[in-house]
Amino acid sequence: MTHLLAVIAPLSLVIVLLGLMMLSRRLGSVSKRRPLYRIYYIGITFVTLGGLLRILWMDSSGRLDAGIALFHDFPLFLGLLIGVVVAWRYWAWLLTERD
């Protein structure tokens, strides 16, 4: 069961990044911003790479060796960091809006 969840988790992160990319693209087209949403593709690629590495390197019980886990976690971290930075660039105005 845990190895199934280990596969589903990166997939769900890819879906979240795709959703943010679509929303950011629409917001950018309305507000005439530069197409920064394309950077989400880089983040999605890193998250997908981390998920694929997890699938390739886990044993039959769904566990990773501690030394190999870093190589799985780093692309996930990098992809999510890219997604957070781009989302911040598009959506930070929501935090500064006043009534």
C-alpha atoms as a PDB file:
ATOM      1  CA  MET A   1       0.000   0.000   0.000  1.00  0.00           C
ATOM      2  CA  THR A   2       2.771   2.453   0.822  1.00  0.00           C
ATOM      3  CA  HIS A   3       4.454   1.985  -2.541  1.00  0.00           C
ATOM      4  CA  LEU A   4       1.157   2.927  -4.231  1.00  0.00           C
ATOM      5  CA  LEU A   5       1.010   6.118  -2.182  1.00  0.00           C
ATOM      6  CA  ALA A   6       4.643   6.820  -3.040  1.00  0.00           C
ATOM      7  CA  VAL A   7       3.673   6.832  -6.703  1.00  0.00           C
ATOM      8  CA  ILE A   8       0.473   8.848  -6.239  1.00  0.00           C
ATOM      9  CA  ALA A   9       2.113  11.661  -4.220  1.00  0.00           C
ATOM     10  CA  PRO A  10       4.359  13.037  -7.015  1.00  0.00           C
ATOM     11  CA  LEU A  11       1.487  12.616  -9.469  1.00  0.00           C
ATOM     12  CA  SER A  12      -0.749  14.757  -7.281  1.00  0.00           C
ATOM     13  CA  LEU A  13       1.968  17.419  -7.082  1.00  0.00           C
ATOM     14  CA  VAL A  14       2.179  17.467 -10.882  1.00  0.00           C
ATOM     15  CA  ILE A  15      -1.599  17.947 -11.077  1.00  0.00           C
ATOM     16  CA  VAL A  16      -1.437  20.841  -8.590  1.00  0.00           C
ATOM     17  CA  LEU A  17       1.358  22.516 -10.566  1.00  0.00           C
ATOM     18  CA  LEU A  18      -0.602  22.063 -13.801  1.00  0.00           C
ATOM     19  CA  GLY A  19      -3.644  23.691 -12.192  1.00  0.00           C
ATOM     20  CA  LEU A  20      -1.578  26.612 -10.947  1.00  0.00           C
ATOM     21  CA  MET A  21      -0.023  26.953 -14.385  1.00  0.00           C
ATOM     22  CA  MET A  22      -3.430  27.162 -16.081  1.00  0.00           C
ATOM     23  CA  LEU A  23      -4.719  29.716 -13.574  1.00  0.00           C
ATOM     24  CA  SER A  24      -1.543  31.780 -13.857  1.00  0.00           C
ATOM     25  CA  ARG A  25      -1.711  31.713 -17.644  1.00  0.00           C
ATOM     26  CA  ARG A  26      -5.255  33.105 -17.557  1.00  0.00           C
ATOM     27  CA  LEU A  27      -4.336  35.742 -14.985  1.00  0.00           C
ATOM     28  CA  GLY A  28      -1.273  36.732 -17.010  1.00  0.00           C
ATOM     29  CA  SER A  29      -3.262  37.082 -20.228  1.00  0.00           C
ATOM     30  CA  VAL A  30      -5.805  39.335 -18.538  1.00  0.00           C
ATOM     31  CA  SER A  31      -3.221  41.488 -16.768  1.00  0.00           C
ATOM     32  CA  LYS A  32      -0.844  41.561 -19.785  1.00  0.00           C
ATOM     33  CA  ARG A  33       2.082  40.073 -17.858  1.00  0.00           C
ATOM     34  CA  ARG A  34       5.086  38.314 -19.248  1.00  0.00           C
ATOM     35  CA  PRO A  35       4.431  34.578 -19.724  1.00  0.00           C
ATOM     36  CA  LEU A  36       6.181  33.440 -16.558  1.00  0.00           C
ATOM     37  CA  TYR A  37       3.766  30.513 -16.338  1.00  0.00           C
ATOM     38  CA  ARG A  38       6.038  28.633 -18.771  1.00  0.00           C
ATOM     39  CA  ILE A  39       8.535  28.192 -15.939  1.00  0.00           C
ATOM     40  CA  TYR A  40       6.006  25.816 -14.359  1.00  0.00           C
ATOM     41  CA  TYR A  41       6.991  23.315 -17.067  1.00  0.00           C
ATOM     42  CA  ILE A  42      10.485  23.180 -15.573  1.00  0.00           C
ATOM     43  CA  GLY A  43       9.046  22.572 -12.106  1.00  0.00           C
ATOM     44  CA  ILE A  44       6.707  19.879 -13.443  1.00  0.00           C
ATOM     45  CA  THR A  45       9.666  18.210 -15.151  1.00  0.00           C
ATOM     46  CA  PHE A  46      11.648  18.084 -11.909  1.00  0.00           C
ATOM     47  CA  VAL A  47       8.709  16.704  -9.918  1.00  0.00           C
ATOM     48  CA  THR A  48       8.101  14.074 -12.597  1.00  0.00           C
ATOM     49  CA  LEU A  49      11.789  13.163 -12.561  1.00  0.00           C
ATOM     50  CA  GLY A  50      11.692  12.733  -8.784  1.00  0.00           C
ATOM     51  CA  GLY A  51       8.615  10.525  -9.059  1.00  0.00           C
ATOM     52  CA  LEU A  52      10.189   8.389 -11.754  1.00  0.00           C
ATOM     53  CA  LEU A  53      13.377   8.006  -9.738  1.00  0.00           C
ATOM     54  CA  ARG A  54      11.281   6.900  -6.796  1.00  0.00           C
ATOM     55  CA  ILE A  55       9.536   4.265  -8.897  1.00  0.00           C
ATOM     56  CA  LEU A  56      12.804   3.003 -10.364  1.00  0.00           C
ATOM     57  CA  TRP A  57      14.759   2.838  -7.114  1.00  0.00           C
ATOM     58  CA  MET A  58      12.279   1.579  -4.542  1.00  0.00           C
ATOM     59  CA  ASP A  59      12.379  -2.053  -3.551  1.00  0.00           C
ATOM     60  CA  SER A  60       9.431  -4.435  -3.531  1.00  0.00           C
ATOM     61  CA  SER A  61       8.243  -3.186  -0.130  1.00  0.00           C
ATOM     62  CA  GLY A  62       8.191   0.451  -1.295  1.00  0.00           C
ATOM     63  CA  ARG A  63      11.216   1.625   0.687  1.00  0.00           C
ATOM     64  CA  LEU A  64      14.250   3.555  -0.517  1.00  0.00           C
ATOM     65  CA  ASP A  65      17.801   3.242   0.715  1.00  0.00           C
ATOM     66  CA  ALA A  66      18.787   6.325   2.738  1.00  0.00           C
ATOM     67  CA  GLY A  67      21.598   7.260   0.348  1.00  0.00           C
ATOM     68  CA  ILE A  68      19.366   7.044  -2.706  1.00  0.00           C
ATOM     69  CA  ALA A  69      16.466   8.909  -1.088  1.00  0.00           C
ATOM     70  CA  LEU A  70      18.331  12.197  -1.410  1.00  0.00           C
ATOM     71  CA  PHE A  71      18.475  11.785  -5.175  1.00  0.00           C
ATOM     72  CA  HIS A  72      14.720  11.313  -5.163  1.00  0.00           C
ATOM     73  CA  ASP A  73      13.977  14.176  -2.803  1.00  0.00           C
ATOM     74  CA  PHE A  74      16.183  16.825  -4.421  1.00  0.00           C
ATOM     75  CA  PRO A  75      14.326  16.973  -7.790  1.00  0.00           C
ATOM     76  CA  LEU A  76      11.001  17.055  -5.918  1.00  0.00           C
ATOM     77  CA  PHE A  77      12.236  19.901  -3.730  1.00  0.00           C
ATOM     78  CA  LEU A  78      13.616  21.817  -6.702  1.00  0.00           C
ATOM     79  CA  GLY A  79      10.416  21.410  -8.724  1.00  0.00           C
ATOM     80  CA  LEU A  80       8.219  22.554  -5.851  1.00  0.00           C
ATOM     81  CA  LEU A  81      10.530  25.486  -5.121  1.00  0.00           C
ATOM     82  CA  ILE A  82      10.233  26.614  -8.742  1.00  0.00           C
ATOM     83  CA  GLY A  83       6.457  26.279  -8.529  1.00  0.00           C
ATOM     84  CA  VAL A  84       6.263  28.297  -5.307  1.00  0.00           C
ATOM     85  CA  VAL A  85       8.447  31.096  -6.686  1.00  0.00           C
ATOM     86  CA  VAL A  86       6.409  31.408  -9.889  1.00  0.00           C
ATOM     87  CA  ALA A  87       3.134  31.249  -7.951  1.00  0.00           C
ATOM     88  CA  TRP A  88       4.409  33.985  -5.655  1.00  0.00           C
ATOM     89  CA  ARG A  89       5.246  36.187  -8.668  1.00  0.00           C
ATOM     90  CA  TYR A  90       1.719  35.795 -10.048  1.00  0.00           C
ATOM     91  CA  TRP A  91      -0.389  35.721  -6.911  1.00  0.00           C
ATOM     92  CA  ALA A  92       1.406  37.890  -4.328  1.00  0.00           C
ATOM     93  CA  TRP A  93      -0.934  40.793  -5.101  1.00  0.00           C
ATOM     94  CA  LEU A  94      -3.693  38.931  -3.223  1.00  0.00           C
ATOM     95  CA  LEU A  95      -1.842  39.472   0.050  1.00  0.00           C
ATOM     96  CA  THR A  96      -1.486  43.221  -0.469  1.00  0.00           C
ATOM     97  CA  GLU A  97      -5.093  43.931  -1.486  1.00  0.00           C
ATOM     98  CA  ARG A  98      -7.126  45.960   1.006  1.00  0.00           C
ATOM     99  CA  ASP A  99     -10.883  46.610   1.164  1.00  0.00           C
END
